[in-house]
């Protein structure tokens, strides 16, 4: 009976293809994180959500849900494989009675907020669950990944005790961890861009997809690296081995290229974000480590050409460099503030869309390693009055807080009726970035977004929030590029501390820096101590050696006494 049903599904697919339709099968999401299973209700809702996206795309036909349900167990083995490569799914064409498979995997789960970890137990008082998903469009016949997106969603959680070993909620006052995780997953899938379906044959190249690296061209050479990885689980150990193999190939290439020789790429992020870097992984051995954990030895086939193209492309994209190259922005602080700037259509600072816009910029800057100064820290509510002069006031606040930059946001919203009971909601997200010391405007973005909503004030508020998200989708990354470009053009920001030294020695150090053309500003000065913020193209170790040589040549009585990241300390001989 099963064979007859599958044959019938194949005949339906063949007929649809003959008429120019492309048949897409939707797999229910599966987890790659064993301690966080996906609730069946959420899995079904997720498949329905993606199904509606496919069904609403001209030229595509959705595979019958019953046919898909009969092969879900076999599809699970594909989706839970972290690689999605051809060797992982050699018989996909024998399993799925469709031309294409849209598969989703839960790749990571994070909890933020107030919680305690006690072994496998998560005791969450209040916080947020973040679900990370990988959505892949796969050509059934070849097993090739045509396009993909990495999306994240979140949902609030309160008063829950979750057992990761037993994979279930032990106690909760409201929705359990499983239900909250399901909500976070659905929030993530709502961000999937329909453009990923454009990579289907005849559909054109995808655009605007998330987490995609540069496309490979032609046949790219690969190499097999035998390596070893360790982790708390064998799955984590395999991923560590995979990352180490990619890193080994990447470092060999980087050392031979002058343009990227001095860059330290974050290969863990690159492996997670770029498709096609790894062609296959063969586990050679695994063993348990004394005291817990697992060690895996594996042969990893790395596509060298793809990796070389990726690294070269990242060098040309400043935002990609900030994301995938290990850089230290920790000594560079950015204040993020909001003002209506006296615009009548601007949303209030305490409106949910405005708060979400500010949070988005703050989060993205923090992810890049910047020290983000919050409005509450700067007491902005007492200074920014929502007038046209707030740009100057924001610059003053940032300068007083010794921030290296300030970003001022304004979110405006409007509406236009298009039919009875229906309106278009428009949003404009204006973001300006200033250098407080010089008051120079170095970045500006005015991003637009829109959505359709029902009439009424409540619908307008909901529509404004969606339109703001639409505006931020392209606007915030563009702002980040400008901020990163500004700081990269200035080189490294280091802190030079002179401890236990008399005022005369401090003056000699400042004169020494000025005489040698070193850009600096006084960060802090107290009795016996001077801290300078220095701009230089050198890294911390090279700058430290340079200052030591200059001080010795000038006869200044200080000696190098410590270095912690970007903070360099010299000590005098007392006051």
Protein backbone atom coordinates (compact mmCIF):
# COMPACT_ATOMS: atom_id res chain seq x y z
CA UNK A 1 0.00 0.00 0.00
CA UNK A 2 2.83 2.41 0.92
CA UNK A 3 4.51 1.78 -2.45
CA UNK A 4 1.25 2.53 -4.28
CA UNK A 5 0.80 5.80 -2.39
CA UNK A 6 4.36 6.91 -3.11
CA UNK A 7 3.96 5.98 -6.77
CA UNK A 8 0.78 8.05 -6.92
CA UNK A 9 2.62 11.00 -5.38
CA UNK A 10 5.40 10.62 -7.94
CA UNK A 11 2.84 10.62 -10.78
CA UNK A 12 1.24 13.79 -9.40
CA UNK A 13 4.66 15.44 -9.22
CA UNK A 14 5.56 14.37 -12.76
CA UNK A 15 2.29 15.73 -14.10
CA UNK A 16 2.80 19.04 -12.33
CA UNK A 17 6.35 19.35 -13.68
CA UNK A 18 5.14 18.60 -17.17
CA UNK A 19 2.77 21.58 -16.83
CA UNK A 20 5.63 23.87 -15.74
CA UNK A 21 4.94 23.69 -11.98
CA UNK A 22 7.70 22.91 -9.54
CA UNK A 23 6.68 20.62 -6.66
CA UNK A 24 8.09 21.49 -3.22
CA UNK A 25 7.91 19.21 -0.18
CA UNK A 26 7.89 20.77 3.29
CA UNK A 27 9.64 18.83 6.04
CA UNK A 28 8.65 19.39 9.65
CA UNK A 29 11.50 21.04 11.61
CA UNK A 30 13.91 18.73 13.43
CA UNK A 31 16.44 19.56 16.10
CA UNK A 32 20.22 19.37 15.92
CA UNK A 33 20.33 20.16 19.65
CA UNK A 34 19.36 16.92 21.46
CA UNK A 35 18.59 18.59 24.80
CA UNK A 36 15.91 20.75 23.18
CA UNK A 37 13.30 18.64 21.33
CA UNK A 38 10.73 20.42 19.17
CA UNK A 39 7.10 20.14 20.33
CA UNK A 40 4.95 18.37 17.74
CA UNK A 41 2.42 21.22 17.75
CA UNK A 42 5.13 23.77 16.94
CA UNK A 43 6.58 21.50 14.25
CA UNK A 44 3.20 21.27 12.55
CA UNK A 45 2.60 25.02 12.76
CA UNK A 46 6.07 25.69 11.36
CA UNK A 47 5.45 23.38 8.39
CA UNK A 48 2.11 25.13 7.78
CA UNK A 49 3.77 28.55 7.86
CA UNK A 50 6.39 27.55 5.27
CA UNK A 51 3.73 25.76 3.26
CA UNK A 52 1.74 28.97 2.96
CA UNK A 53 4.86 30.75 1.72
CA UNK A 54 5.35 28.10 -0.99
CA UNK A 55 1.67 27.96 -1.93
CA UNK A 56 1.61 31.72 -2.36
CA UNK A 57 4.52 31.68 -4.81
CA UNK A 58 3.49 31.55 -8.50
CA UNK A 59 4.73 28.48 -10.37
CA UNK A 60 5.18 26.33 -7.24
CA UNK A 61 3.03 23.42 -6.09
CA UNK A 62 3.00 22.06 -2.55
CA UNK A 63 3.41 18.32 -2.05
CA UNK A 64 0.42 16.66 -0.39
CA UNK A 65 0.82 16.68 3.41
CA UNK A 66 -0.11 13.01 3.68
CA UNK A 67 2.69 11.98 1.31
CA UNK A 68 5.14 14.06 3.33
CA UNK A 69 4.01 12.59 6.66
CA UNK A 70 4.81 9.07 5.44
CA UNK A 71 8.45 9.92 4.80
CA UNK A 72 9.08 12.34 7.71
CA UNK A 73 11.10 9.78 9.68
CA UNK A 74 13.53 9.38 6.77
CA UNK A 75 13.71 13.14 6.25
CA UNK A 76 14.65 13.55 9.93
CA UNK A 77 18.00 11.86 9.28
CA UNK A 78 18.71 14.51 6.64
CA UNK A 79 17.61 17.58 8.58
CA UNK A 80 19.45 16.66 11.78
CA UNK A 81 22.74 16.32 9.87
CA UNK A 82 24.64 19.60 10.45
CA UNK A 83 26.14 19.54 6.95
CA UNK A 84 23.28 19.28 4.45
CA UNK A 85 25.80 18.15 1.82
CA UNK A 86 25.54 15.71 -1.06
CA UNK A 87 27.30 12.91 0.78
CA UNK A 88 24.87 13.23 3.67
CA UNK A 89 21.82 12.73 1.42
CA UNK A 90 22.86 10.49 -1.50
CA UNK A 91 19.44 8.79 -1.81
CA UNK A 92 17.24 11.84 -1.32
CA UNK A 93 15.76 11.37 -4.79
CA UNK A 94 14.57 7.88 -3.80
CA UNK A 95 12.79 9.21 -0.72
CA UNK A 96 11.02 12.46 -1.60
CA UNK A 97 8.35 12.39 -4.37
CA UNK A 98 8.96 16.03 -5.29
CA UNK A 99 11.48 18.15 -7.15
CA UNK A 100 12.55 20.17 -4.13
CA UNK A 101 12.64 19.87 -0.34
CA UNK A 102 12.34 22.80 2.09
CA UNK A 103 13.95 21.56 5.31
CA UNK A 104 14.35 23.34 8.64
CA UNK A 105 16.69 22.53 11.51
CA UNK A 106 16.89 23.95 15.02
CA UNK A 107 20.63 24.68 15.23
CA UNK A 108 20.86 26.45 18.56
CA UNK A 109 18.95 27.60 21.64
CA UNK A 110 19.99 30.40 23.99
CA UNK A 111 18.45 31.78 27.17
CA UNK A 112 18.98 35.39 28.21
CA UNK A 113 17.83 37.06 31.40
CA UNK A 114 17.63 36.00 35.04
CA UNK A 115 18.34 32.30 35.39
CA UNK A 116 20.64 29.81 37.11
CA UNK A 117 22.29 26.69 35.72
CA UNK A 118 22.80 23.71 37.98
CA UNK A 119 24.18 20.92 35.83
CA UNK A 120 21.44 19.99 33.38
CA UNK A 121 18.83 22.08 35.22
CA UNK A 122 17.85 25.54 33.99
CA UNK A 123 16.03 27.53 36.67
CA UNK A 124 14.62 30.55 34.81
CA UNK A 125 13.07 33.37 36.80
CA UNK A 126 12.50 35.75 33.89
CA UNK A 127 14.06 36.11 30.48
CA UNK A 128 13.96 35.33 26.78
CA UNK A 129 14.38 32.11 24.80
CA UNK A 130 16.17 32.55 21.47
CA UNK A 131 15.73 29.90 18.77
CA UNK A 132 18.23 29.69 15.91
CA UNK A 133 17.04 27.98 12.73
CA UNK A 134 18.63 27.00 9.43
CA UNK A 135 16.19 26.79 6.52
CA UNK A 136 17.50 25.02 3.41
CA UNK A 137 16.03 24.59 -0.08
CA UNK A 138 17.39 21.33 -1.51
CA UNK A 139 17.21 19.96 -5.06
CA UNK A 140 15.95 16.40 -4.56
CA UNK A 141 17.59 14.86 -7.64
CA UNK A 142 21.13 16.05 -6.87
CA UNK A 143 20.95 16.67 -3.12
CA UNK A 144 22.40 20.14 -3.74
CA UNK A 145 21.52 23.01 -1.39
CA UNK A 146 20.15 25.72 -3.67
CA UNK A 147 19.70 28.43 -1.06
CA UNK A 148 19.39 28.89 2.66
CA UNK A 149 18.72 31.33 5.42
CA UNK A 150 19.75 31.49 9.07
CA UNK A 151 17.04 33.12 11.17
CA UNK A 152 16.52 33.80 14.87
CA UNK A 153 13.37 34.36 16.87
CA UNK A 154 12.64 34.93 20.52
CA UNK A 155 9.85 34.59 23.05
CA UNK A 156 9.54 35.68 26.69
CA UNK A 157 9.72 33.08 29.46
CA UNK A 158 8.98 33.30 33.17
CA UNK A 159 9.17 30.99 36.21
CA UNK A 160 10.23 27.77 34.47
CA UNK A 161 12.49 24.92 35.58
CA UNK A 162 13.72 22.87 32.63
CA UNK A 163 15.66 19.58 32.74
CA UNK A 164 17.98 19.40 29.73
CA UNK A 165 18.97 15.80 30.46
CA UNK A 166 15.38 14.53 30.55
CA UNK A 167 14.41 17.10 27.92
CA UNK A 168 11.25 18.32 29.62
CA UNK A 169 9.87 21.03 31.90
CA UNK A 170 9.92 20.05 35.56
CA UNK A 171 7.90 22.97 36.90
CA UNK A 172 6.36 26.20 35.59
CA UNK A 173 3.78 28.80 36.58
CA UNK A 174 2.75 29.36 32.98
CA UNK A 175 3.79 27.97 29.59
CA UNK A 176 6.57 25.39 29.81
CA UNK A 177 9.95 25.66 28.12
CA UNK A 178 8.78 23.52 25.19
CA UNK A 179 5.86 25.84 24.42
CA UNK A 180 8.03 28.95 24.68
CA UNK A 181 10.65 27.39 22.40
CA UNK A 182 7.91 26.67 19.87
CA UNK A 183 6.84 30.32 19.93
CA UNK A 184 10.43 31.46 19.42
CA UNK A 185 10.77 29.11 16.45
CA UNK A 186 7.62 30.48 14.82
CA UNK A 187 8.90 34.03 15.38
CA UNK A 188 12.11 33.02 13.59
CA UNK A 189 10.32 31.40 10.66
CA UNK A 190 8.24 34.55 10.20
CA UNK A 191 11.50 36.23 9.13
CA UNK A 192 12.21 33.79 6.30
CA UNK A 193 12.45 35.72 3.05
CA UNK A 194 10.43 34.43 0.10
CA UNK A 195 13.37 35.35 -2.17
CA UNK A 196 15.13 32.11 -1.23
CA UNK A 197 12.61 30.36 -3.51
CA UNK A 198 13.98 32.38 -6.43
CA UNK A 199 16.93 29.96 -6.68
CA UNK A 200 14.66 27.24 -8.06
CA UNK A 201 15.46 26.47 -11.71
CA UNK A 202 13.85 29.15 -13.83
CA UNK A 203 13.28 31.37 -10.79
CA UNK A 204 16.39 33.53 -11.02
CA UNK A 205 19.09 34.11 -8.42
CA UNK A 206 18.05 34.64 -4.81
CA UNK A 207 18.57 38.06 -3.28
CA UNK A 208 18.51 39.38 0.24
CA UNK A 209 19.01 36.00 1.89
CA UNK A 210 20.49 35.78 5.36
CA UNK A 211 23.75 34.05 6.22
CA UNK A 212 24.92 33.39 2.66
CA UNK A 213 28.53 33.66 1.55
CA UNK A 214 29.82 34.39 -1.97
CA UNK A 215 28.65 31.89 -4.58
CA UNK A 216 31.04 29.30 -5.92
CA UNK A 217 31.84 29.40 -9.62
CA UNK A 218 32.59 26.30 -11.66
CA UNK A 219 34.17 23.22 -10.20
CA UNK A 220 36.10 23.99 -7.02
CA UNK A 221 38.95 21.86 -5.70
CA UNK A 222 38.66 20.22 -2.30
CA UNK A 223 41.12 18.68 0.13
CA UNK A 224 40.74 16.12 2.94
CA UNK A 225 42.05 17.11 6.36
CA UNK A 226 42.31 14.63 9.22
CA UNK A 227 41.74 16.44 12.47
CA UNK A 228 40.49 16.01 16.02
CA UNK A 229 37.89 17.85 18.06
CA UNK A 230 36.68 17.79 21.66
CA UNK A 231 33.37 18.82 23.19
CA UNK A 232 30.87 18.15 25.95
CA UNK A 233 29.03 15.83 23.53
CA UNK A 234 30.26 13.83 20.53
CA UNK A 235 28.18 16.06 18.24
CA UNK A 236 29.96 19.13 19.63
CA UNK A 237 33.30 17.34 19.19
CA UNK A 238 32.50 16.63 15.53
CA UNK A 239 31.67 20.27 14.96
CA UNK A 240 34.96 21.27 16.64
CA UNK A 241 36.85 18.92 14.30
CA UNK A 242 35.05 20.38 11.29
CA UNK A 243 35.88 23.95 12.36
CA UNK A 244 39.53 23.05 12.97
CA UNK A 245 39.87 21.55 9.49
CA UNK A 246 38.41 24.66 7.84
CA UNK A 247 40.67 26.83 9.98
CA UNK A 248 43.75 24.85 8.94
CA UNK A 249 42.97 25.28 5.23
CA UNK A 250 42.08 28.95 5.75
CA UNK A 251 45.27 29.78 7.66
CA UNK A 252 47.40 28.20 4.92
CA UNK A 253 45.73 30.43 2.34
CA UNK A 254 45.81 33.57 4.49
CA UNK A 255 49.56 33.23 5.13
CA UNK A 256 50.18 33.32 1.37
CA UNK A 257 48.06 36.42 0.65
CA UNK A 258 49.42 39.87 1.47
CA UNK A 259 45.91 41.40 1.47
CA UNK A 260 44.61 39.20 4.29
CA UNK A 261 47.81 38.00 5.93
CA UNK A 262 47.37 39.94 9.17
CA UNK A 263 43.68 39.10 9.65
CA UNK A 264 42.52 36.56 12.21
CA UNK A 265 39.30 35.11 10.82
CA UNK A 266 36.66 33.67 13.14
CA UNK A 267 36.33 30.28 11.44
CA UNK A 268 33.60 29.12 13.83
CA UNK A 269 31.28 31.84 12.54
CA UNK A 270 32.32 31.28 8.94
CA UNK A 271 31.51 27.55 9.09
CA UNK A 272 28.07 28.33 10.56
CA UNK A 273 27.18 31.03 8.04
CA UNK A 274 28.57 29.94 4.66
CA UNK A 275 27.15 27.09 2.63
CA UNK A 276 29.34 24.62 0.74
CA UNK A 277 32.62 24.97 2.65
CA UNK A 278 32.55 21.33 3.74
CA UNK A 279 31.78 18.56 1.28
CA UNK A 280 31.82 15.67 3.72
CA UNK A 281 32.90 14.46 7.15
CA UNK A 282 33.92 10.88 7.90
CA UNK A 283 34.25 10.01 11.57
CA UNK A 284 37.33 7.85 12.09
CA UNK A 285 37.07 7.31 15.85
CA UNK A 286 35.41 8.65 18.98
CA UNK A 287 36.18 8.21 22.67
CA UNK A 288 34.96 9.45 26.00
CA UNK A 289 37.25 11.86 27.86
CA UNK A 290 38.01 11.26 31.51
CA UNK A 291 35.90 13.62 33.59
CA UNK A 292 33.24 14.00 30.89
CA UNK A 293 33.12 14.97 27.26
CA UNK A 294 33.96 13.37 23.95
CA UNK A 295 36.92 13.35 21.56
CA UNK A 296 36.34 12.71 17.84
CA UNK A 297 38.89 12.13 15.07
CA UNK A 298 37.48 12.82 11.61
CA UNK A 299 38.48 13.20 7.97
CA UNK A 300 36.95 16.47 6.75
CA UNK A 301 36.72 17.30 3.06
CA UNK A 302 37.07 21.10 2.76
CA UNK A 303 36.26 22.89 -0.51
CA UNK A 304 39.39 25.05 -0.80
CA UNK A 305 38.19 27.17 -3.71
CA UNK A 306 34.96 28.07 -1.91
CA UNK A 307 36.84 29.02 1.25
CA UNK A 308 39.34 31.14 -0.70
CA UNK A 309 36.51 32.97 -2.47
CA UNK A 310 34.79 33.52 0.87
CA UNK A 311 37.83 35.03 2.59
CA UNK A 312 38.59 37.28 -0.38
CA UNK A 313 34.97 38.48 -0.53
CA UNK A 314 34.87 39.26 3.19
CA UNK A 315 37.87 41.58 2.81
CA UNK A 316 35.87 43.69 0.35
CA UNK A 317 32.84 44.00 2.66
CA UNK A 318 33.47 46.01 5.82
CA UNK A 319 30.45 44.64 7.68
CA UNK A 320 31.45 41.09 6.79
CA UNK A 321 34.95 41.85 8.04
CA UNK A 322 33.55 43.10 11.33
CA UNK A 323 31.47 39.91 11.63
CA UNK A 324 33.94 37.27 10.48
CA UNK A 325 37.35 38.79 11.31
CA UNK A 326 38.41 38.73 14.95
CA UNK A 327 38.62 42.39 15.92
CA UNK A 328 38.60 44.17 19.25
CA UNK A 329 36.07 46.98 19.40
CA UNK A 330 35.84 46.56 23.19
CA UNK A 331 37.68 49.85 23.80
CA UNK A 332 35.37 51.71 21.43
CA UNK A 333 32.11 52.91 22.89
CA UNK A 334 28.95 53.97 21.05
CA UNK A 335 25.97 55.71 22.61
CA UNK A 336 22.58 54.86 21.06
CA UNK A 337 19.85 57.44 21.70
CA UNK A 338 16.36 58.23 20.43
CA UNK A 339 14.60 61.52 19.74
CA UNK A 340 11.50 62.65 17.85
CA UNK A 341 13.57 65.64 16.62
CA UNK A 342 10.40 67.72 16.71
CA UNK A 343 8.84 65.78 13.81
CA UNK A 344 5.04 65.59 14.25
CA UNK A 345 4.83 62.13 12.62
CA UNK A 346 7.63 60.67 14.79
CA UNK A 347 6.71 57.95 17.28
CA UNK A 348 7.25 58.56 20.99
CA UNK A 349 10.44 57.29 22.61
CA UNK A 350 8.48 54.88 24.82
CA UNK A 351 6.45 53.38 21.94
CA UNK A 352 7.14 49.70 21.28
CA UNK A 353 8.34 50.20 17.67
CA UNK A 354 10.79 52.92 18.76
CA UNK A 355 12.10 50.82 21.65
CA UNK A 356 12.50 47.84 19.33
CA UNK A 357 14.46 49.93 16.83
CA UNK A 358 16.85 51.17 19.52
CA UNK A 359 17.25 47.65 20.95
CA UNK A 360 18.02 46.30 17.48
CA UNK A 361 20.85 48.80 16.88
CA UNK A 362 22.24 48.30 20.40
CA UNK A 363 22.21 44.51 20.04
CA UNK A 364 23.90 44.54 16.63
CA UNK A 365 26.64 46.90 17.83
CA UNK A 366 27.21 44.74 20.93
CA UNK A 367 27.48 41.64 18.73
CA UNK A 368 30.32 43.35 16.85
CA UNK A 369 32.12 43.90 20.16
CA UNK A 370 31.38 47.59 20.79
CA UNK A 371 30.85 48.91 24.31
CA UNK A 372 27.28 50.22 24.02
CA UNK A 373 26.29 53.09 26.29
CA UNK A 374 22.56 53.11 27.06
CA UNK A 375 20.28 56.13 27.26
CA UNK A 376 19.65 55.46 30.96
CA UNK A 377 23.39 55.58 31.68
CA UNK A 378 23.61 58.99 30.01
CA UNK A 379 20.38 60.27 31.62
CA UNK A 380 19.16 61.13 28.13
CA UNK A 381 15.54 61.59 29.24
CA UNK A 382 16.58 64.71 31.13
CA UNK A 383 18.41 66.24 28.15
CA UNK A 384 16.74 65.12 24.92
CA UNK A 385 13.47 67.06 24.76
CA UNK A 386 12.27 65.82 21.38
CA UNK A 387 13.22 69.04 19.59
CA UNK A 388 15.17 69.94 16.46
CA UNK A 389 18.29 70.64 18.54
CA UNK A 390 18.51 67.12 19.95
CA UNK A 391 21.37 66.18 17.59
CA UNK A 392 23.59 68.73 19.33
CA UNK A 393 22.33 67.62 22.73
CA UNK A 394 23.05 63.96 21.92
CA UNK A 395 26.59 64.83 20.83
CA UNK A 396 27.08 66.69 24.12
CA UNK A 397 25.84 63.72 26.16
CA UNK A 398 28.14 61.31 24.30
CA UNK A 399 31.12 63.62 24.69
CA UNK A 400 30.52 63.97 28.43
CA UNK A 401 30.35 60.16 28.69
CA UNK A 402 33.61 59.90 26.67
CA UNK A 403 31.86 57.83 23.99
CA UNK A 404 33.67 57.43 20.67
CA UNK A 405 30.46 57.79 18.65
CA UNK A 406 26.76 58.47 19.10
CA UNK A 407 23.87 57.16 17.00
CA UNK A 408 20.59 59.11 17.17
CA UNK A 409 17.43 57.43 15.86
CA UNK A 410 14.03 58.78 14.87
CA UNK A 411 11.17 56.53 13.76
CA UNK A 412 8.26 58.10 11.88
CA UNK A 413 5.06 56.41 10.76
CA UNK A 414 2.11 57.29 8.54
CA UNK A 415 -0.77 55.56 6.79
CA UNK A 416 -2.64 55.64 3.51
CA UNK A 417 -6.02 54.04 2.96
CA UNK A 418 -6.11 51.75 -0.08
CA UNK A 419 -9.49 50.06 0.33
CA UNK A 420 -12.40 49.89 2.70
CA UNK A 421 -11.05 48.63 6.00
CA UNK A 422 -7.48 48.34 4.68
CA UNK A 423 -4.55 50.73 4.97
CA UNK A 424 -0.88 50.84 4.03
CA UNK A 425 1.34 51.70 7.00
CA UNK A 426 4.62 53.44 6.10
CA UNK A 427 7.69 53.80 8.34
CA UNK A 428 10.84 55.88 8.04
CA UNK A 429 13.82 55.04 10.28
CA UNK A 430 16.31 57.94 10.32
CA UNK A 431 19.70 57.08 11.88
CA UNK A 432 22.62 59.51 12.15
CA UNK A 433 26.07 58.73 13.58
CA UNK A 434 28.36 61.46 14.93
CA UNK A 435 31.90 61.66 16.27
CA UNK A 436 31.40 63.57 19.55
CA UNK A 437 34.90 65.09 19.73
CA UNK A 438 34.72 66.75 16.31
CA UNK A 439 30.90 66.82 16.02
CA UNK A 440 31.40 65.33 12.55
CA UNK A 441 28.52 63.44 10.94
CA UNK A 442 30.10 60.27 9.56
CA UNK A 443 27.06 58.08 8.96
CA UNK A 444 23.45 58.62 7.95
CA UNK A 445 20.70 56.22 6.83
CA UNK A 446 17.04 56.98 6.13
CA UNK A 447 15.45 53.54 5.66
CA UNK A 448 11.88 53.04 4.47
CA UNK A 449 9.46 50.21 5.21
CA UNK A 450 5.80 49.44 4.73
CA UNK A 451 3.11 46.87 5.44
CA UNK A 452 -0.62 46.40 5.02
CA UNK A 453 -2.93 46.53 8.05
CA UNK A 454 -6.58 46.83 8.93
CA UNK A 455 -7.97 50.25 9.79
CA UNK A 456 -8.05 51.42 13.39
CA UNK A 457 -5.57 52.79 15.92
CA UNK A 458 -4.61 49.35 17.28
CA UNK A 459 -3.96 48.03 13.78
CA UNK A 460 -1.92 51.17 13.05
CA UNK A 461 0.33 50.50 16.04
CA UNK A 462 0.81 46.88 15.02
CA UNK A 463 1.40 47.92 11.41
CA UNK A 464 3.94 50.56 12.45
CA UNK A 465 5.88 47.90 14.32
CA UNK A 466 5.96 45.62 11.25
CA UNK A 467 6.85 48.50 8.93
CA UNK A 468 9.66 49.52 11.28
CA UNK A 469 11.06 45.99 11.15
CA UNK A 470 10.86 46.15 7.35
CA UNK A 471 12.80 49.44 7.37
CA UNK A 472 15.42 48.12 9.77
CA UNK A 473 16.04 44.97 7.71
CA UNK A 474 18.26 46.81 5.24
CA UNK A 475 18.74 50.08 7.13
CA UNK A 476 20.49 48.78 10.25
CA UNK A 477 23.11 46.71 8.35
CA UNK A 478 23.88 49.79 6.21
CA UNK A 479 24.35 51.90 9.36
CA UNK A 480 26.63 49.23 10.84
CA UNK A 481 28.76 49.28 7.68
CA UNK A 482 29.24 53.02 8.08
CA UNK A 483 30.09 52.76 11.78
CA UNK A 484 32.56 49.92 11.18
CA UNK A 485 34.14 51.80 8.25
CA UNK A 486 34.57 54.85 10.48
CA UNK A 487 36.41 52.95 13.18
CA UNK A 488 38.45 50.82 10.80
CA UNK A 489 39.70 53.96 9.03
CA UNK A 490 40.96 55.17 12.40
CA UNK A 491 42.93 51.97 13.10
CA UNK A 492 43.05 50.38 16.57
CA UNK A 493 41.93 52.09 19.75
CA UNK A 494 44.23 51.25 22.68
CA UNK A 495 44.47 52.44 26.27
CA UNK A 496 47.92 53.50 27.45
CA UNK A 497 48.11 53.70 31.27
CA UNK A 498 51.02 55.34 33.13
CA UNK A 499 50.97 54.31 36.81
CA UNK A 500 52.97 55.43 39.84
CA UNK A 501 54.60 58.33 38.00
CA UNK A 502 55.10 62.04 38.84
CA UNK A 503 53.38 64.78 36.85
CA UNK A 504 56.61 65.59 35.04
CA UNK A 505 56.86 62.06 33.60
CA UNK A 506 53.22 62.17 32.50
CA UNK A 507 53.90 65.40 30.62
CA UNK A 508 56.97 63.82 29.02
CA UNK A 509 54.86 60.88 27.80
CA UNK A 510 52.25 63.19 26.22
CA UNK A 511 55.00 65.23 24.54
CA UNK A 512 56.58 62.00 23.28
CA UNK A 513 53.35 60.83 21.65
CA UNK A 514 52.69 64.23 20.08
CA UNK A 515 56.26 64.49 18.75
CA UNK A 516 55.90 61.12 17.02
CA UNK A 517 52.53 61.90 15.42
CA UNK A 518 50.51 59.50 17.64
CA UNK A 519 46.83 60.50 17.94
CA UNK A 520 45.68 60.41 21.58
CA UNK A 521 43.16 61.82 24.03
CA UNK A 522 43.22 61.91 27.83
CA UNK A 523 40.83 59.24 29.11
CA UNK A 524 41.50 59.78 32.83
CA UNK A 525 44.06 61.58 35.00
CA UNK A 526 44.50 61.35 38.73
CA UNK A 527 47.35 61.66 41.19
CA UNK A 528 50.07 59.28 40.08
CA UNK A 529 48.09 57.90 37.11
CA UNK A 530 47.44 58.91 33.51
CA UNK A 531 45.27 56.93 31.06
CA UNK A 532 45.38 57.87 27.37
CA UNK A 533 43.15 56.62 24.56
CA UNK A 534 45.39 56.09 21.52
CA UNK A 535 44.55 55.65 17.82
CA UNK A 536 47.13 53.57 15.95
CA UNK A 537 47.42 51.17 13.02
CA UNK A 538 49.55 48.85 15.19
CA UNK A 539 48.27 46.05 17.39
CA UNK A 540 48.74 46.23 21.16
CA UNK A 541 52.01 44.27 21.27
CA UNK A 542 53.65 46.28 18.48
CA UNK A 543 52.55 49.60 19.97
CA UNK A 544 53.82 48.59 23.41
CA UNK A 545 57.25 47.75 21.95
CA UNK A 546 57.30 51.06 20.07
CA UNK A 547 56.51 53.13 23.18
CA UNK A 548 59.17 51.27 25.14
CA UNK A 549 61.83 52.05 22.51
CA UNK A 550 60.78 55.70 22.24
CA UNK A 551 60.74 56.15 26.04
CA UNK A 552 64.21 54.62 26.38
CA UNK A 553 65.58 56.82 23.60
CA UNK A 554 64.06 59.93 25.21
CA UNK A 555 65.28 58.99 28.69
CA UNK A 556 61.79 58.83 30.20
CA UNK A 557 61.86 56.77 33.40
CA UNK A 558 59.02 54.27 32.79
CA UNK A 559 58.98 50.52 32.21
CA UNK A 560 56.43 48.17 30.64
CA UNK A 561 54.55 46.43 33.46
CA UNK A 562 51.47 44.80 31.90
CA UNK A 563 49.18 44.28 28.93
CA UNK A 564 45.56 43.10 29.06
CA UNK A 565 43.89 43.03 25.66
CA UNK A 566 43.93 46.60 24.38
CA UNK A 567 45.14 48.10 27.69
CA UNK A 568 48.90 48.67 27.97
CA UNK A 569 50.45 49.68 31.31
CA UNK A 570 53.78 51.37 32.01
CA UNK A 571 54.95 52.13 35.54
CA UNK A 572 57.14 54.95 36.80
CA UNK A 573 59.49 54.99 39.75
CA UNK A 574 57.15 56.68 42.19
CA UNK A 575 56.04 60.25 42.75
